N, C-alpha and C. Protein backbone atom coordinates (compact mmCIF):
# COMPACT_ATOMS: atom_id res chain seq x y z
N MET A 1 29.62 15.39 -7.06
CA MET A 1 29.10 14.29 -6.28
C MET A 1 30.04 13.09 -6.36
N PHE A 2 30.55 12.81 -7.58
CA PHE A 2 31.44 11.67 -7.72
C PHE A 2 32.78 11.91 -7.03
N LYS A 3 33.23 13.18 -6.98
CA LYS A 3 34.48 13.48 -6.27
C LYS A 3 34.33 13.20 -4.78
N VAL A 4 33.20 13.62 -4.23
CA VAL A 4 32.96 13.42 -2.79
C VAL A 4 32.86 11.93 -2.49
N LEU A 5 32.12 11.19 -3.33
CA LEU A 5 32.00 9.75 -3.12
C LEU A 5 33.36 9.06 -3.26
N GLY A 6 34.14 9.50 -4.25
CA GLY A 6 35.47 8.92 -4.44
C GLY A 6 36.38 9.16 -3.26
N LYS A 7 36.36 10.39 -2.73
CA LYS A 7 37.18 10.69 -1.55
C LYS A 7 36.73 9.88 -0.34
N PHE A 8 35.44 9.73 -0.20
CA PHE A 8 34.89 8.96 0.92
C PHE A 8 35.33 7.50 0.85
N VAL A 9 35.20 6.92 -0.33
CA VAL A 9 35.59 5.51 -0.50
C VAL A 9 37.10 5.36 -0.34
N ALA A 10 37.88 6.31 -0.88
CA ALA A 10 39.33 6.23 -0.76
C ALA A 10 39.78 6.31 0.69
N LYS A 11 39.20 7.20 1.46
CA LYS A 11 39.56 7.31 2.88
C LYS A 11 39.17 6.05 3.64
N ALA A 12 38.02 5.49 3.30
CA ALA A 12 37.59 4.25 3.96
C ALA A 12 38.53 3.10 3.61
N LEU A 13 38.99 3.04 2.35
CA LEU A 13 39.92 1.99 1.96
C LEU A 13 41.27 2.16 2.65
N LEU A 14 41.73 3.39 2.78
CA LEU A 14 43.00 3.64 3.46
C LEU A 14 42.93 3.28 4.94
N ASP A 15 41.76 3.47 5.54
CA ASP A 15 41.59 3.15 6.97
C ASP A 15 41.18 1.70 7.20
N PHE A 16 41.12 0.91 6.14
CA PHE A 16 40.70 -0.50 6.20
C PHE A 16 39.31 -0.63 6.82
N ARG A 17 38.42 0.27 6.50
CA ARG A 17 37.03 0.21 6.97
C ARG A 17 36.18 -0.53 5.95
N ILE A 18 35.16 -1.18 6.45
CA ILE A 18 34.24 -1.89 5.57
C ILE A 18 33.06 -0.97 5.27
N LEU A 19 32.81 -0.77 3.99
CA LEU A 19 31.68 0.05 3.55
C LEU A 19 30.58 -0.86 3.02
N ASP A 20 29.39 -0.59 3.44
CA ASP A 20 28.25 -1.36 2.94
C ASP A 20 27.61 -0.59 1.79
N LEU A 21 28.28 -0.58 0.66
CA LEU A 21 27.78 0.11 -0.52
C LEU A 21 27.34 -0.93 -1.54
N PRO A 22 26.17 -0.77 -2.12
CA PRO A 22 25.70 -1.74 -3.13
C PRO A 22 26.34 -1.46 -4.50
N LEU A 23 27.63 -1.76 -4.62
CA LEU A 23 28.33 -1.54 -5.88
C LEU A 23 28.17 -2.75 -6.79
N ASN A 24 28.25 -2.51 -8.08
CA ASN A 24 28.11 -3.56 -9.07
C ASN A 24 29.34 -4.45 -9.06
N ASN A 25 29.14 -5.75 -9.29
CA ASN A 25 30.26 -6.70 -9.29
C ASN A 25 31.27 -6.40 -10.39
N VAL A 26 30.81 -5.92 -11.53
CA VAL A 26 31.71 -5.57 -12.63
C VAL A 26 32.63 -4.44 -12.21
N PHE A 27 32.06 -3.43 -11.54
CA PHE A 27 32.86 -2.32 -11.05
C PHE A 27 33.89 -2.78 -10.02
N LEU A 28 33.47 -3.65 -9.12
CA LEU A 28 34.38 -4.13 -8.07
C LEU A 28 35.54 -4.94 -8.66
N THR A 29 35.25 -5.82 -9.62
CA THR A 29 36.34 -6.60 -10.22
C THR A 29 37.29 -5.71 -11.01
N TRP A 30 36.78 -4.64 -11.60
CA TRP A 30 37.64 -3.71 -12.34
C TRP A 30 38.50 -2.90 -11.37
N ILE A 31 37.91 -2.48 -10.24
CA ILE A 31 38.67 -1.71 -9.24
C ILE A 31 39.76 -2.59 -8.61
N LEU A 32 39.44 -3.84 -8.33
CA LEU A 32 40.42 -4.75 -7.71
C LEU A 32 41.41 -5.31 -8.72
N LYS A 33 41.30 -4.87 -9.99
CA LYS A 33 42.20 -5.26 -11.08
C LYS A 33 42.21 -6.76 -11.33
N GLN A 34 41.05 -7.40 -11.13
CA GLN A 34 40.93 -8.81 -11.48
C GLN A 34 40.61 -8.95 -12.96
N GLU A 35 40.13 -7.88 -13.57
CA GLU A 35 39.90 -7.86 -15.02
C GLU A 35 40.48 -6.57 -15.56
N SER A 36 41.08 -6.66 -16.75
CA SER A 36 41.71 -5.47 -17.31
C SER A 36 40.79 -4.72 -18.28
N SER A 37 39.80 -5.41 -18.83
CA SER A 37 38.90 -4.76 -19.77
C SER A 37 37.49 -5.32 -19.60
N LEU A 38 36.55 -4.61 -20.17
CA LEU A 38 35.17 -5.06 -20.11
C LEU A 38 34.90 -6.08 -21.20
N THR A 39 34.21 -7.14 -20.84
CA THR A 39 33.83 -8.16 -21.81
C THR A 39 32.35 -7.97 -22.17
N ALA A 40 31.88 -8.74 -23.12
CA ALA A 40 30.47 -8.66 -23.51
C ALA A 40 29.56 -9.08 -22.35
N LYS A 41 30.02 -10.05 -21.56
CA LYS A 41 29.23 -10.49 -20.41
C LYS A 41 29.09 -9.36 -19.39
N ASN A 42 30.18 -8.62 -19.14
CA ASN A 42 30.14 -7.50 -18.20
C ASN A 42 29.20 -6.41 -18.68
N ILE A 43 29.24 -6.12 -19.96
CA ILE A 43 28.37 -5.08 -20.51
C ILE A 43 26.91 -5.54 -20.42
N ALA A 44 26.65 -6.83 -20.64
CA ALA A 44 25.29 -7.34 -20.53
C ALA A 44 24.79 -7.23 -19.09
N VAL A 45 25.65 -7.52 -18.12
CA VAL A 45 25.26 -7.40 -16.71
C VAL A 45 24.95 -5.95 -16.36
N ILE A 46 25.81 -5.04 -16.82
CA ILE A 46 25.58 -3.62 -16.54
C ILE A 46 24.27 -3.17 -17.18
N PHE A 47 24.04 -3.56 -18.43
CA PHE A 47 22.82 -3.18 -19.13
C PHE A 47 21.59 -3.72 -18.40
N PHE A 48 21.67 -4.98 -17.94
CA PHE A 48 20.54 -5.58 -17.23
C PHE A 48 20.22 -4.80 -15.96
N PHE A 49 21.24 -4.47 -15.16
CA PHE A 49 21.00 -3.75 -13.92
C PHE A 49 20.51 -2.34 -14.17
N LEU A 50 21.02 -1.67 -15.21
CA LEU A 50 20.53 -0.34 -15.54
C LEU A 50 19.07 -0.40 -16.00
N PHE A 51 18.76 -1.37 -16.85
CA PHE A 51 17.39 -1.51 -17.33
C PHE A 51 16.44 -1.82 -16.17
N PHE A 52 16.85 -2.73 -15.27
CA PHE A 52 16.03 -3.09 -14.13
C PHE A 52 15.83 -1.90 -13.20
N SER A 53 16.88 -1.11 -12.97
CA SER A 53 16.77 0.07 -12.11
C SER A 53 15.82 1.09 -12.71
N PHE A 54 15.96 1.36 -14.02
CA PHE A 54 15.07 2.32 -14.67
C PHE A 54 13.63 1.80 -14.68
N PHE A 55 13.46 0.50 -14.88
CA PHE A 55 12.12 -0.08 -14.87
C PHE A 55 11.46 0.10 -13.52
N LEU A 56 12.20 -0.19 -12.44
CA LEU A 56 11.63 -0.01 -11.10
C LEU A 56 11.34 1.46 -10.81
N PHE A 57 12.23 2.34 -11.25
CA PHE A 57 12.02 3.77 -11.04
C PHE A 57 10.74 4.23 -11.73
N PHE A 58 10.57 3.86 -12.98
CA PHE A 58 9.38 4.31 -13.71
C PHE A 58 8.12 3.63 -13.18
N LEU A 59 8.22 2.39 -12.72
CA LEU A 59 7.07 1.72 -12.13
C LEU A 59 6.62 2.43 -10.87
N ILE A 60 7.57 2.78 -10.01
CA ILE A 60 7.24 3.51 -8.78
C ILE A 60 6.68 4.89 -9.12
N LEU A 61 7.26 5.54 -10.13
CA LEU A 61 6.77 6.85 -10.54
C LEU A 61 5.34 6.76 -11.05
N ILE A 62 5.03 5.75 -11.84
CA ILE A 62 3.67 5.57 -12.36
C ILE A 62 2.69 5.29 -11.21
N LEU A 63 3.10 4.46 -10.25
CA LEU A 63 2.22 4.18 -9.11
C LEU A 63 1.96 5.43 -8.28
N ILE A 64 2.97 6.26 -8.10
CA ILE A 64 2.78 7.51 -7.35
C ILE A 64 1.83 8.43 -8.09
N LEU A 65 1.99 8.53 -9.42
CA LEU A 65 1.09 9.37 -10.21
C LEU A 65 -0.35 8.86 -10.17
N ILE A 66 -0.52 7.54 -10.19
CA ILE A 66 -1.88 6.98 -10.10
C ILE A 66 -2.50 7.30 -8.75
N LEU A 67 -1.71 7.19 -7.67
CA LEU A 67 -2.24 7.54 -6.35
C LEU A 67 -2.62 9.01 -6.25
N ILE A 68 -1.78 9.88 -6.81
CA ILE A 68 -2.09 11.31 -6.80
C ILE A 68 -3.38 11.57 -7.58
N LEU A 69 -3.50 10.95 -8.74
CA LEU A 69 -4.71 11.11 -9.55
C LEU A 69 -5.95 10.61 -8.81
N PHE A 70 -5.82 9.46 -8.13
CA PHE A 70 -6.93 8.90 -7.37
C PHE A 70 -7.38 9.86 -6.27
N PHE A 71 -6.41 10.43 -5.53
CA PHE A 71 -6.77 11.35 -4.47
C PHE A 71 -7.35 12.65 -5.01
N LEU A 72 -6.85 13.12 -6.15
CA LEU A 72 -7.44 14.31 -6.75
C LEU A 72 -8.87 14.06 -7.19
N ILE A 73 -9.12 12.87 -7.73
CA ILE A 73 -10.49 12.52 -8.13
C ILE A 73 -11.40 12.49 -6.91
N LEU A 74 -10.91 11.90 -5.81
CA LEU A 74 -11.72 11.86 -4.60
C LEU A 74 -11.98 13.25 -4.04
N ILE A 75 -10.99 14.12 -4.13
CA ILE A 75 -11.16 15.47 -3.59
C ILE A 75 -12.19 16.25 -4.40
N PHE A 76 -12.09 16.17 -5.73
CA PHE A 76 -12.97 16.97 -6.58
C PHE A 76 -14.28 16.27 -6.94
N MET A 77 -14.46 15.02 -6.51
CA MET A 77 -15.68 14.29 -6.85
C MET A 77 -16.89 14.90 -6.17
N LYS A 78 -16.69 15.49 -5.00
CA LYS A 78 -17.81 16.08 -4.29
C LYS A 78 -18.43 17.21 -5.10
N ASP A 79 -17.60 17.94 -5.85
CA ASP A 79 -18.12 19.03 -6.67
C ASP A 79 -18.76 18.50 -7.96
N ILE A 80 -18.23 17.40 -8.48
CA ILE A 80 -18.71 16.90 -9.77
C ILE A 80 -19.98 16.07 -9.59
N GLU A 81 -19.93 15.08 -8.70
CA GLU A 81 -21.06 14.16 -8.50
C GLU A 81 -21.25 13.95 -7.00
N PRO A 82 -22.05 14.77 -6.33
CA PRO A 82 -22.17 14.70 -4.87
C PRO A 82 -22.76 13.39 -4.36
N THR A 83 -23.71 12.81 -5.08
CA THR A 83 -24.34 11.57 -4.61
C THR A 83 -23.33 10.42 -4.60
N LEU A 84 -22.57 10.30 -5.68
CA LEU A 84 -21.55 9.25 -5.74
C LEU A 84 -20.46 9.48 -4.71
N ALA A 85 -20.08 10.74 -4.50
CA ALA A 85 -19.06 11.05 -3.50
C ALA A 85 -19.52 10.67 -2.11
N ASN A 86 -20.78 10.99 -1.78
CA ASN A 86 -21.31 10.63 -0.45
C ASN A 86 -21.36 9.11 -0.29
N THR A 87 -21.72 8.39 -1.34
CA THR A 87 -21.75 6.93 -1.27
C THR A 87 -20.36 6.37 -1.02
N ILE A 88 -19.36 6.90 -1.72
CA ILE A 88 -17.98 6.42 -1.53
C ILE A 88 -17.48 6.74 -0.13
N PHE A 89 -17.78 7.95 0.36
CA PHE A 89 -17.34 8.30 1.71
C PHE A 89 -18.05 7.45 2.77
N ASP A 90 -19.33 7.14 2.56
CA ASP A 90 -20.05 6.26 3.49
C ASP A 90 -19.46 4.85 3.46
N LEU A 91 -19.13 4.38 2.26
CA LEU A 91 -18.51 3.06 2.14
C LEU A 91 -17.16 3.02 2.82
N GLU A 92 -16.39 4.10 2.69
CA GLU A 92 -15.10 4.18 3.36
C GLU A 92 -15.27 4.17 4.88
N ALA A 93 -16.27 4.88 5.38
CA ALA A 93 -16.54 4.90 6.83
C ALA A 93 -16.94 3.52 7.32
N LEU A 94 -17.76 2.81 6.53
CA LEU A 94 -18.14 1.44 6.91
C LEU A 94 -16.93 0.51 6.93
N CYS A 95 -16.04 0.68 5.98
CA CYS A 95 -14.84 -0.17 5.94
C CYS A 95 -13.93 0.09 7.14
N THR A 96 -13.79 1.36 7.52
CA THR A 96 -12.96 1.65 8.69
C THR A 96 -13.61 1.13 9.97
N GLU A 97 -14.92 1.22 10.08
CA GLU A 97 -15.61 0.66 11.25
C GLU A 97 -15.44 -0.86 11.30
N LYS A 98 -15.57 -1.52 10.15
CA LYS A 98 -15.39 -2.97 10.10
C LYS A 98 -13.97 -3.34 10.51
N ARG A 99 -12.99 -2.56 10.04
CA ARG A 99 -11.59 -2.84 10.40
C ARG A 99 -11.39 -2.67 11.89
N LYS A 100 -12.03 -1.64 12.51
CA LYS A 100 -11.90 -1.44 13.96
C LYS A 100 -12.51 -2.62 14.71
N ILE A 101 -13.66 -3.11 14.25
CA ILE A 101 -14.31 -4.24 14.91
C ILE A 101 -13.47 -5.51 14.77
N LEU A 102 -12.93 -5.74 13.58
CA LEU A 102 -12.11 -6.94 13.37
C LEU A 102 -10.80 -6.89 14.13
N ASP A 103 -10.25 -5.68 14.34
CA ASP A 103 -8.99 -5.55 15.05
C ASP A 103 -9.16 -5.53 16.57
N ASP A 104 -10.39 -5.35 17.05
CA ASP A 104 -10.63 -5.30 18.49
C ASP A 104 -10.56 -6.70 19.06
N LYS A 105 -9.56 -6.94 19.90
CA LYS A 105 -9.34 -8.29 20.45
C LYS A 105 -10.37 -8.67 21.51
N SER A 106 -11.04 -7.68 22.11
CA SER A 106 -12.03 -8.00 23.14
C SER A 106 -13.32 -8.55 22.53
N LEU A 107 -13.55 -8.35 21.24
CA LEU A 107 -14.77 -8.83 20.60
C LEU A 107 -14.63 -10.21 19.99
N VAL A 108 -13.45 -10.82 20.08
CA VAL A 108 -13.22 -12.12 19.46
C VAL A 108 -14.09 -13.20 20.11
N PHE A 109 -14.19 -13.17 21.43
CA PHE A 109 -14.95 -14.21 22.12
C PHE A 109 -16.45 -14.06 21.94
N LEU A 110 -16.91 -12.87 21.66
CA LEU A 110 -18.34 -12.68 21.43
C LEU A 110 -18.80 -13.43 20.20
N HIS A 111 -17.95 -13.55 19.23
CA HIS A 111 -18.31 -14.24 17.99
C HIS A 111 -18.49 -15.75 18.24
N PHE A 112 -17.62 -16.32 19.06
CA PHE A 112 -17.65 -17.77 19.26
C PHE A 112 -18.63 -18.20 20.34
N PHE A 113 -18.85 -17.36 21.36
CA PHE A 113 -19.66 -17.77 22.47
C PHE A 113 -21.01 -17.04 22.57
N SER A 114 -21.40 -16.37 21.52
CA SER A 114 -22.69 -15.68 21.58
C SER A 114 -23.82 -16.71 21.41
N PRO A 115 -24.95 -16.46 22.08
CA PRO A 115 -26.05 -17.42 21.95
C PRO A 115 -26.63 -17.37 20.53
N PRO A 116 -27.16 -18.44 20.05
CA PRO A 116 -27.73 -18.44 18.70
C PRO A 116 -28.93 -17.52 18.62
N LEU A 117 -29.12 -16.96 17.47
CA LEU A 117 -30.25 -16.07 17.25
C LEU A 117 -31.53 -16.87 17.18
N SER A 118 -32.60 -16.32 17.77
CA SER A 118 -33.88 -17.03 17.71
C SER A 118 -34.48 -16.85 16.33
N SER A 119 -35.15 -17.85 15.86
CA SER A 119 -35.72 -17.79 14.52
C SER A 119 -37.22 -17.59 14.58
N ASN A 120 -37.65 -16.63 15.39
CA ASN A 120 -39.09 -16.33 15.51
C ASN A 120 -39.55 -15.46 14.40
């Protein structure tokens, strides 16, 4: 993979093409020979970006696993507790109906110009 990426970047550099690659600034300064060695600041920057990338990766992974677990619970809830499952499905249907009513632009004027309810 790194050979292919290296050849791709090398050919783009030879052709004077601009690549929109999100490369690290430490890597770019080392490639452009503006720095000859890594300093403690460069290592700290690399460590920060690696830590942040792994943190985001694991956060997204945990959120995906929670969503999968939630959907599995909803799927199997009908077998475990039918009354609670029916209540949740009815609540979900009410929420979708409410969303349809709120999103319907033709019903906006009915709210403002409807006659007041009689208090008989």
